[in-house]
Structure formats: C-alpha cells, structure tokens
Amino acid sequence: LLGELQLSSGARDQLYLALRLAICETLVGAKEAPLILDDPFLTSDDARTERGVALLKELGRKRQVVLLTCRQNGT
C-alpha cells in the first residue's frame, strides 16, 4: 500500500481528481449540478492531461463542467 506522497505528482493529480468526482457523485447523485475544477492537471504530463480532459468532456454530456487552467491551450 502506497501513501499519497509516494506517488508522482501526476499520479496524485489523478487520485485527487478521482476523489473529487466520487465526492461530487455521492453528494449530488443524479442531479445535474455543475462541476467546477481549478487546474486539476497542474502537474500531470500531456498524456494524463489528455485522458483527463477526455473524461471531463464525457462527464460534460450530463452536467456542466467548468475547467479553470493555467495551460495556454486549455489542455
């Protein structure tokens, strides 16, 4: 079993995003509450970021997703 600090920063970004999404689903369930994320891929590499953005686009089919980022091209 690894502690969070034993993970790479990109893997921690993925872990934290998964936790946020799980909490959102638990709290709002089937309601269509918006999801607002502030740079969830800050330390992720390009491949992880692309997969994460694809996941958020899929989630955007059932709820509004607002993604704030410092990345120049948005991904």
PDB file of N, CA and C in Angstrom:
ATOM      1  N   LEU A   1       0.840  -1.175   0.000  1.00  0.00           N
ATOM      2  CA  LEU A   1       0.000   0.000   0.000  1.00  0.00           C
ATOM      3  C   LEU A   1       0.886   1.240   0.000  1.00  0.00           C
ATOM      4  N   LEU A   2       0.656   2.132  -0.957  1.00  0.00           N
ATOM      5  CA  LEU A   2       1.450   3.355  -1.065  1.00  0.00           C
ATOM      6  C   LEU A   2       0.735   4.524  -0.413  1.00  0.00           C
ATOM      7  N   GLY A   3       1.487   5.378   0.224  1.00  0.00           N
ATOM      8  CA  GLY A   3       0.939   6.634   0.709  1.00  0.00           C
ATOM      9  C   GLY A   3       0.916   7.630  -0.435  1.00  0.00           C
ATOM     10  N   GLU A   4       0.100   8.670  -0.295  1.00  0.00           N
ATOM     11  CA  GLU A   4      -0.028   9.618  -1.407  1.00  0.00           C
ATOM     12  C   GLU A   4       1.285  10.299  -1.756  1.00  0.00           C
ATOM     13  N   LEU A   5       2.149  10.516  -0.793  1.00  0.00           N
ATOM     14  CA  LEU A   5       3.410  11.198  -1.076  1.00  0.00           C
ATOM     15  C   LEU A   5       4.411  10.291  -1.784  1.00  0.00           C
ATOM     16  N   GLN A   6       4.130   8.996  -1.854  1.00  0.00           N
ATOM     17  CA  GLN A   6       4.985   8.078  -2.596  1.00  0.00           C
ATOM     18  C   GLN A   6       4.621   8.049  -4.082  1.00  0.00           C
ATOM     19  N   LEU A   7       3.511   8.657  -4.445  1.00  0.00           N
ATOM     20  CA  LEU A   7       3.086   8.728  -5.837  1.00  0.00           C
ATOM     21  C   LEU A   7       3.741   9.923  -6.516  1.00  0.00           C
ATOM     22  N   SER A   8       3.875   9.846  -7.823  1.00  0.00           N
ATOM     23  CA  SER A   8       4.368  11.004  -8.568  1.00  0.00           C
ATOM     24  C   SER A   8       3.323  12.116  -8.491  1.00  0.00           C
ATOM     25  N   SER A   9       3.726  13.320  -8.765  1.00  0.00           N
ATOM     26  CA  SER A   9       2.778  14.443  -8.693  1.00  0.00           C
ATOM     27  C   SER A   9       1.649  14.274  -9.709  1.00  0.00           C
ATOM     28  N   GLY A  10       1.942  13.721 -10.886  1.00  0.00           N
ATOM     29  CA  GLY A  10       0.895  13.470 -11.882  1.00  0.00           C
ATOM     30  C   GLY A  10      -0.093  12.414 -11.411  1.00  0.00           C
ATOM     31  N   ALA A  11       0.428  11.367 -10.767  1.00  0.00           N
ATOM     32  CA  ALA A  11      -0.456  10.327 -10.224  1.00  0.00           C
ATOM     33  C   ALA A  11      -1.311  10.894  -9.090  1.00  0.00           C
ATOM     34  N   ARG A  12      -0.743  11.790  -8.296  1.00  0.00           N
ATOM     35  CA  ARG A  12      -1.534  12.444  -7.238  1.00  0.00           C
ATOM     36  C   ARG A  12      -2.634  13.290  -7.849  1.00  0.00           C
ATOM     37  N   ASP A  13      -2.347  13.992  -8.939  1.00  0.00           N
ATOM     38  CA  ASP A  13      -3.391  14.760  -9.630  1.00  0.00           C
ATOM     39  C   ASP A  13      -4.542  13.845 -10.021  1.00  0.00           C
ATOM     40  N   GLN A  14      -4.222  12.665 -10.573  1.00  0.00           N
ATOM     41  CA  GLN A  14      -5.259  11.710 -10.968  1.00  0.00           C
ATOM     42  C   GLN A  14      -6.055  11.234  -9.761  1.00  0.00           C
ATOM     43  N   LEU A  15      -5.359  10.932  -8.685  1.00  0.00           N
ATOM     44  CA  LEU A  15      -6.012  10.478  -7.459  1.00  0.00           C
ATOM     45  C   LEU A  15      -6.964  11.538  -6.927  1.00  0.00           C
ATOM     46  N   TYR A  16      -6.502  12.781  -6.860  1.00  0.00           N
ATOM     47  CA  TYR A  16      -7.331  13.866  -6.334  1.00  0.00           C
ATOM     48  C   TYR A  16      -8.538  14.120  -7.237  1.00  0.00           C
ATOM     49  N   LEU A  17      -8.357  14.032  -8.556  1.00  0.00           N
ATOM     50  CA  LEU A  17      -9.487  14.201  -9.473  1.00  0.00           C
ATOM     51  C   LEU A  17     -10.510  13.091  -9.254  1.00  0.00           C
ATOM     52  N   ALA A  18     -10.039  11.860  -9.125  1.00  0.00           N
ATOM     53  CA  ALA A  18     -10.954  10.741  -8.882  1.00  0.00           C
ATOM     54  C   ALA A  18     -11.728  10.944  -7.582  1.00  0.00           C
ATOM     55  N   LEU A  19     -11.052  11.428  -6.554  1.00  0.00           N
ATOM     56  CA  LEU A  19     -11.729  11.688  -5.282  1.00  0.00           C
ATOM     57  C   LEU A  19     -12.774  12.789  -5.426  1.00  0.00           C
ATOM     58  N   ARG A  20     -12.427  13.862  -6.131  1.00  0.00           N
ATOM     59  CA  ARG A  20     -13.390  14.957  -6.347  1.00  0.00           C
ATOM     60  C   ARG A  20     -14.625  14.462  -7.085  1.00  0.00           C
ATOM     61  N   LEU A  21     -14.400  13.665  -8.128  1.00  0.00           N
ATOM     62  CA  LEU A  21     -15.530  13.155  -8.911  1.00  0.00           C
ATOM     63  C   LEU A  21     -16.397  12.218  -8.071  1.00  0.00           C
ATOM     64  N   ALA A  22     -15.771  11.383  -7.257  1.00  0.00           N
ATOM     65  CA  ALA A  22     -16.532  10.475  -6.399  1.00  0.00           C
ATOM     66  C   ALA A  22     -17.341  11.253  -5.364  1.00  0.00           C
ATOM     67  N   ILE A  23     -16.751  12.280  -4.791  1.00  0.00           N
ATOM     68  CA  ILE A  23     -17.470  13.102  -3.812  1.00  0.00           C
ATOM     69  C   ILE A  23     -18.640  13.808  -4.477  1.00  0.00           C
ATOM     70  N   CYS A  24     -18.424  14.330  -5.678  1.00  0.00           N
ATOM     71  CA  CYS A  24     -19.491  15.003  -6.416  1.00  0.00           C
ATOM     72  C   CYS A  24     -20.648  14.045  -6.669  1.00  0.00           C
ATOM     73  N   GLU A  25     -20.345  12.844  -7.135  1.00  0.00           N
ATOM     74  CA  GLU A  25     -21.394  11.857  -7.403  1.00  0.00           C
ATOM     75  C   GLU A  25     -22.133  11.481  -6.125  1.00  0.00           C
ATOM     76  N   THR A  26     -21.396  11.352  -5.028  1.00  0.00           N
ATOM     77  CA  THR A  26     -22.000  10.976  -3.752  1.00  0.00           C
ATOM     78  C   THR A  26     -22.922  12.075  -3.235  1.00  0.00           C
ATOM     79  N   LEU A  27     -22.475  13.313  -3.336  1.00  0.00           N
ATOM     80  CA  LEU A  27     -23.244  14.426  -2.784  1.00  0.00           C
ATOM     81  C   LEU A  27     -24.456  14.800  -3.620  1.00  0.00           C
ATOM     82  N   VAL A  28     -24.308  14.784  -4.946  1.00  0.00           N
ATOM     83  CA  VAL A  28     -25.411  15.257  -5.787  1.00  0.00           C
ATOM     84  C   VAL A  28     -26.124  14.134  -6.530  1.00  0.00           C
ATOM     85  N   GLY A  29     -25.527  12.959  -6.599  1.00  0.00           N
ATOM     86  CA  GLY A  29     -26.167  11.826  -7.259  1.00  0.00           C
ATOM     87  C   GLY A  29     -26.542  12.119  -8.696  1.00  0.00           C
ATOM     88  N   ALA A  30     -27.790  11.873  -9.041  1.00  0.00           N
ATOM     89  CA  ALA A  30     -28.264  12.028 -10.423  1.00  0.00           C
ATOM     90  C   ALA A  30     -28.600  13.470 -10.776  1.00  0.00           C
ATOM     91  N   LYS A  31     -28.571  14.374  -9.797  1.00  0.00           N
ATOM     92  CA  LYS A  31     -28.852  15.778 -10.104  1.00  0.00           C
ATOM     93  C   LYS A  31     -27.789  16.307 -11.053  1.00  0.00           C
ATOM     94  N   GLU A  32     -28.154  17.293 -11.821  1.00  0.00           N
ATOM     95  CA  GLU A  32     -27.235  17.841 -12.816  1.00  0.00           C
ATOM     96  C   GLU A  32     -26.510  19.070 -12.290  1.00  0.00           C
ATOM     97  N   ALA A  33     -25.853  18.938 -11.159  1.00  0.00           N
ATOM     98  CA  ALA A  33     -25.105  20.047 -10.576  1.00  0.00           C
ATOM     99  C   ALA A  33     -23.845  20.300 -11.398  1.00  0.00           C
ATOM    100  N   PRO A  34     -23.438  21.567 -11.531  1.00  0.00           N
ATOM    101  CA  PRO A  34     -22.202  21.852 -12.264  1.00  0.00           C
ATOM    102  C   PRO A  34     -20.985  21.361 -11.489  1.00  0.00           C
ATOM    103  N   LEU A  35     -19.935  21.097 -12.217  1.00  0.00           N
ATOM    104  CA  LEU A  35     -18.669  20.664 -11.643  1.00  0.00           C
ATOM    105  C   LEU A  35     -17.629  21.721 -11.998  1.00  0.00           C
ATOM    106  N   ILE A  36     -17.034  22.343 -11.002  1.00  0.00           N
ATOM    107  CA  ILE A  36     -16.041  23.392 -11.227  1.00  0.00           C
ATOM    108  C   ILE A  36     -14.704  22.892 -10.700  1.00  0.00           C
ATOM    109  N   LEU A  37     -13.704  22.845 -11.585  1.00  0.00           N
ATOM    110  CA  LEU A  37     -12.384  22.334 -11.227  1.00  0.00           C
ATOM    111  C   LEU A  37     -11.329  23.396 -11.515  1.00  0.00           C
ATOM    112  N   ASP A  38     -10.464  23.624 -10.541  1.00  0.00           N
ATOM    113  CA  ASP A  38      -9.385  24.599 -10.684  1.00  0.00           C
ATOM    114  C   ASP A  38      -8.073  23.864 -10.917  1.00  0.00           C
ATOM    115  N   ASP A  39      -7.674  23.790 -12.156  1.00  0.00           N
ATOM    116  CA  ASP A  39      -6.413  23.196 -12.600  1.00  0.00           C
ATOM    117  C   ASP A  39      -6.136  21.812 -12.015  1.00  0.00           C
ATOM    118  N   PRO A  40      -7.020  20.837 -12.281  1.00  0.00           N
ATOM    119  CA  PRO A  40      -6.819  19.502 -11.722  1.00  0.00           C
ATOM    120  C   PRO A  40      -5.644  18.749 -12.348  1.00  0.00           C
ATOM    121  N   PHE A  41      -5.078  19.277 -13.436  1.00  0.00           N
ATOM    122  CA  PHE A  41      -3.972  18.609 -14.128  1.00  0.00           C
ATOM    123  C   PHE A  41      -2.678  19.422 -14.034  1.00  0.00           C
ATOM    124  N   LEU A  42      -2.540  20.182 -12.983  1.00  0.00           N
ATOM    125  CA  LEU A  42      -1.426  21.123 -12.838  1.00  0.00           C
ATOM    126  C   LEU A  42      -0.071  20.462 -13.053  1.00  0.00           C
ATOM    127  N   THR A  43       0.146  19.301 -12.469  1.00  0.00           N
ATOM    128  CA  THR A  43       1.454  18.640 -12.596  1.00  0.00           C
ATOM    129  C   THR A  43       1.403  17.379 -13.449  1.00  0.00           C
ATOM    130  N   SER A  44       0.296  17.169 -14.139  1.00  0.00           N
ATOM    131  CA  SER A  44       0.169  15.984 -14.998  1.00  0.00           C
ATOM    132  C   SER A  44       0.926  16.174 -16.300  1.00  0.00           C
ATOM    133  N   ASP A  45       1.429  15.068 -16.832  1.00  0.00           N
ATOM    134  CA  ASP A  45       2.065  15.139 -18.146  1.00  0.00           C
ATOM    135  C   ASP A  45       0.980  15.256 -19.217  1.00  0.00           C
ATOM    136  N   ASP A  46       1.392  15.458 -20.449  1.00  0.00           N
ATOM    137  CA  ASP A  46       0.433  15.689 -21.531  1.00  0.00           C
ATOM    138  C   ASP A  46      -0.518  14.513 -21.739  1.00  0.00           C
ATOM    139  N   ALA A  47      -0.007  13.293 -21.647  1.00  0.00           N
ATOM    140  CA  ALA A  47      -0.858  12.115 -21.871  1.00  0.00           C
ATOM    141  C   ALA A  47      -1.933  12.012 -20.791  1.00  0.00           C
ATOM    142  N   ARG A  48      -1.560  12.197 -19.531  1.00  0.00           N
ATOM    143  CA  ARG A  48      -2.549  12.149 -18.448  1.00  0.00           C
ATOM    144  C   ARG A  48      -3.564  13.281 -18.587  1.00  0.00           C
ATOM    145  N   THR A  49      -3.071  14.438 -18.963  1.00  0.00           N
ATOM    146  CA  THR A  49      -3.969  15.575 -19.128  1.00  0.00           C
ATOM    147  C   THR A  49      -4.984  15.315 -20.230  1.00  0.00           C
ATOM    148  N   GLU A  50      -4.528  14.787 -21.361  1.00  0.00           N
ATOM    149  CA  GLU A  50      -5.439  14.488 -22.467  1.00  0.00           C
ATOM    150  C   GLU A  50      -6.510  13.481 -22.053  1.00  0.00           C
ATOM    151  N   ARG A  51      -6.118  12.451 -21.324  1.00  0.00           N
ATOM    152  CA  ARG A  51      -7.097  11.460 -20.856  1.00  0.00           C
ATOM    153  C   ARG A  51      -8.066  12.085 -19.864  1.00  0.00           C
ATOM    154  N   GLY A  52      -7.552  12.953 -18.993  1.00  0.00           N
ATOM    155  CA  GLY A  52      -8.413  13.620 -18.018  1.00  0.00           C
ATOM    156  C   GLY A  52      -9.407  14.553 -18.676  1.00  0.00           C
ATOM    157  N   VAL A  53      -8.949  15.306 -19.660  1.00  0.00           N
ATOM    158  CA  VAL A  53      -9.840  16.213 -20.382  1.00  0.00           C
ATOM    159  C   VAL A  53     -10.896  15.414 -21.144  1.00  0.00           C
ATOM    160  N   ALA A  54     -10.511  14.284 -21.723  1.00  0.00           N
ATOM    161  CA  ALA A  54     -11.486  13.430 -22.411  1.00  0.00           C
ATOM    162  C   ALA A  54     -12.557  12.944 -21.427  1.00  0.00           C
ATOM    163  N   LEU A  55     -12.147  12.582 -20.223  1.00  0.00           N
ATOM    164  CA  LEU A  55     -13.104  12.157 -19.197  1.00  0.00           C
ATOM    165  C   LEU A  55     -14.047  13.304 -18.838  1.00  0.00           C
ATOM    166  N   LEU A  56     -13.506  14.504 -18.672  1.00  0.00           N
ATOM    167  CA  LEU A  56     -14.349  15.652 -18.329  1.00  0.00           C
ATOM    168  C   LEU A  56     -15.310  15.994 -19.460  1.00  0.00           C
ATOM    169  N   LYS A  57     -14.878  15.827 -20.702  1.00  0.00           N
ATOM    170  CA  LYS A  57     -15.782  16.052 -21.838  1.00  0.00           C
ATOM    171  C   LYS A  57     -16.934  15.054 -21.803  1.00  0.00           C
ATOM    172  N   GLU A  58     -16.637  13.807 -21.458  1.00  0.00           N
ATOM    173  CA  GLU A  58     -17.681  12.790 -21.347  1.00  0.00           C
ATOM    174  C   GLU A  58     -18.644  13.150 -20.215  1.00  0.00           C
ATOM    175  N   LEU A  59     -18.113  13.577 -19.077  1.00  0.00           N
ATOM    176  CA  LEU A  59     -18.963  13.998 -17.965  1.00  0.00           C
ATOM    177  C   LEU A  59     -19.799  15.215 -18.349  1.00  0.00           C
ATOM    178  N   GLY A  60     -19.266  16.043 -19.234  1.00  0.00           N
ATOM    179  CA  GLY A  60     -19.964  17.231 -19.685  1.00  0.00           C
ATOM    180  C   GLY A  60     -21.221  16.933 -20.472  1.00  0.00           C
ATOM    181  N   ARG A  61     -21.415  15.699 -20.864  1.00  0.00           N
ATOM    182  CA  ARG A  61     -22.644  15.316 -21.564  1.00  0.00           C
ATOM    183  C   ARG A  61     -23.842  15.295 -20.625  1.00  0.00           C
ATOM    184  N   LYS A  62     -23.583  15.110 -19.323  1.00  0.00           N
ATOM    185  CA  LYS A  62     -24.701  15.052 -18.377  1.00  0.00           C
ATOM    186  C   LYS A  62     -24.701  16.178 -17.350  1.00  0.00           C
ATOM    187  N   ARG A  63     -23.611  16.929 -17.260  1.00  0.00           N
ATOM    188  CA  ARG A  63     -23.589  18.082 -16.349  1.00  0.00           C
ATOM    189  C   ARG A  63     -22.594  19.109 -16.869  1.00  0.00           C
ATOM    190  N   GLN A  64     -22.789  20.339 -16.468  1.00  0.00           N
ATOM    191  CA  GLN A  64     -21.880  21.405 -16.879  1.00  0.00           C
ATOM    192  C   GLN A  64     -20.551  21.226 -16.163  1.00  0.00           C
ATOM    193  N   VAL A  65     -19.455  21.302 -16.920  1.00  0.00           N
ATOM    194  CA  VAL A  65     -18.117  21.194 -16.361  1.00  0.00           C
ATOM    195  C   VAL A  65     -17.380  22.494 -16.671  1.00  0.00           C
ATOM    196  N   VAL A  66     -16.880  23.138 -15.630  1.00  0.00           N
ATOM    197  CA  VAL A  66     -16.083  24.353 -15.783  1.00  0.00           C
ATOM    198  C   VAL A  66     -14.658  23.992 -15.390  1.00  0.00           C
ATOM    199  N   LEU A  67     -13.735  24.123 -16.316  1.00  0.00           N
ATOM    200  CA  LEU A  67     -12.342  23.771 -16.088  1.00  0.00           C
ATOM    201  C   LEU A  67     -11.502  25.039 -16.155  1.00  0.00           C
ATOM    202  N   LEU A  68     -10.929  25.408 -15.036  1.00  0.00           N
ATOM    203  CA  LEU A  68     -10.031  26.549 -14.974  1.00  0.00           C
ATOM    204  C   LEU A  68      -8.597  26.004 -15.067  1.00  0.00           C
ATOM    205  N   THR A  69      -7.772  26.621 -15.912  1.00  0.00           N
ATOM    206  CA  THR A  69      -6.425  26.116 -16.093  1.00  0.00           C
ATOM    207  C   THR A  69      -5.456  27.242 -16.432  1.00  0.00           C
ATOM    208  N   CYS A  70      -4.189  26.987 -16.126  1.00  0.00           N
ATOM    209  CA  CYS A  70      -3.148  27.944 -16.492  1.00  0.00           C
ATOM    210  C   CYS A  70      -2.454  27.523 -17.786  1.00  0.00           C
ATOM    211  N   ARG A  71      -2.864  26.379 -18.327  1.00  0.00           N
ATOM    212  CA  ARG A  71      -2.246  25.899 -19.574  1.00  0.00           C
ATOM    213  C   ARG A  71      -2.690  26.782 -20.726  1.00  0.00           C
ATOM    214  N   GLN A  72      -1.790  27.110 -21.596  1.00  0.00           N
ATOM    215  CA  GLN A  72      -2.055  28.051 -22.678  1.00  0.00           C
ATOM    216  C   GLN A  72      -3.149  27.565 -23.624  1.00  0.00           C
ATOM    217  N   ASN A  73      -3.122  26.297 -24.009  1.00  0.00           N
ATOM    218  CA  ASN A  73      -4.094  25.801 -24.982  1.00  0.00           C
ATOM    219  C   ASN A  73      -5.310  25.145 -24.336  1.00  0.00           C
ATOM    220  N   GLY A  74      -5.395  25.163 -23.012  1.00  0.00           N
ATOM    221  CA  GLY A  74      -6.570  24.637 -22.328  1.00  0.00           C
ATOM    222  C   GLY A  74      -6.526  23.146 -22.038  1.00  0.00           C
ATOM    223  N   THR A  75      -5.501  22.458 -22.549  1.00  0.00           N
ATOM    224  CA  THR A  75      -5.379  21.021 -22.257  1.00  0.00           C
ATOM    225  C   THR A  75      -4.008  20.715 -21.715  1.00  0.00           C
TER     226      THR A  75
END
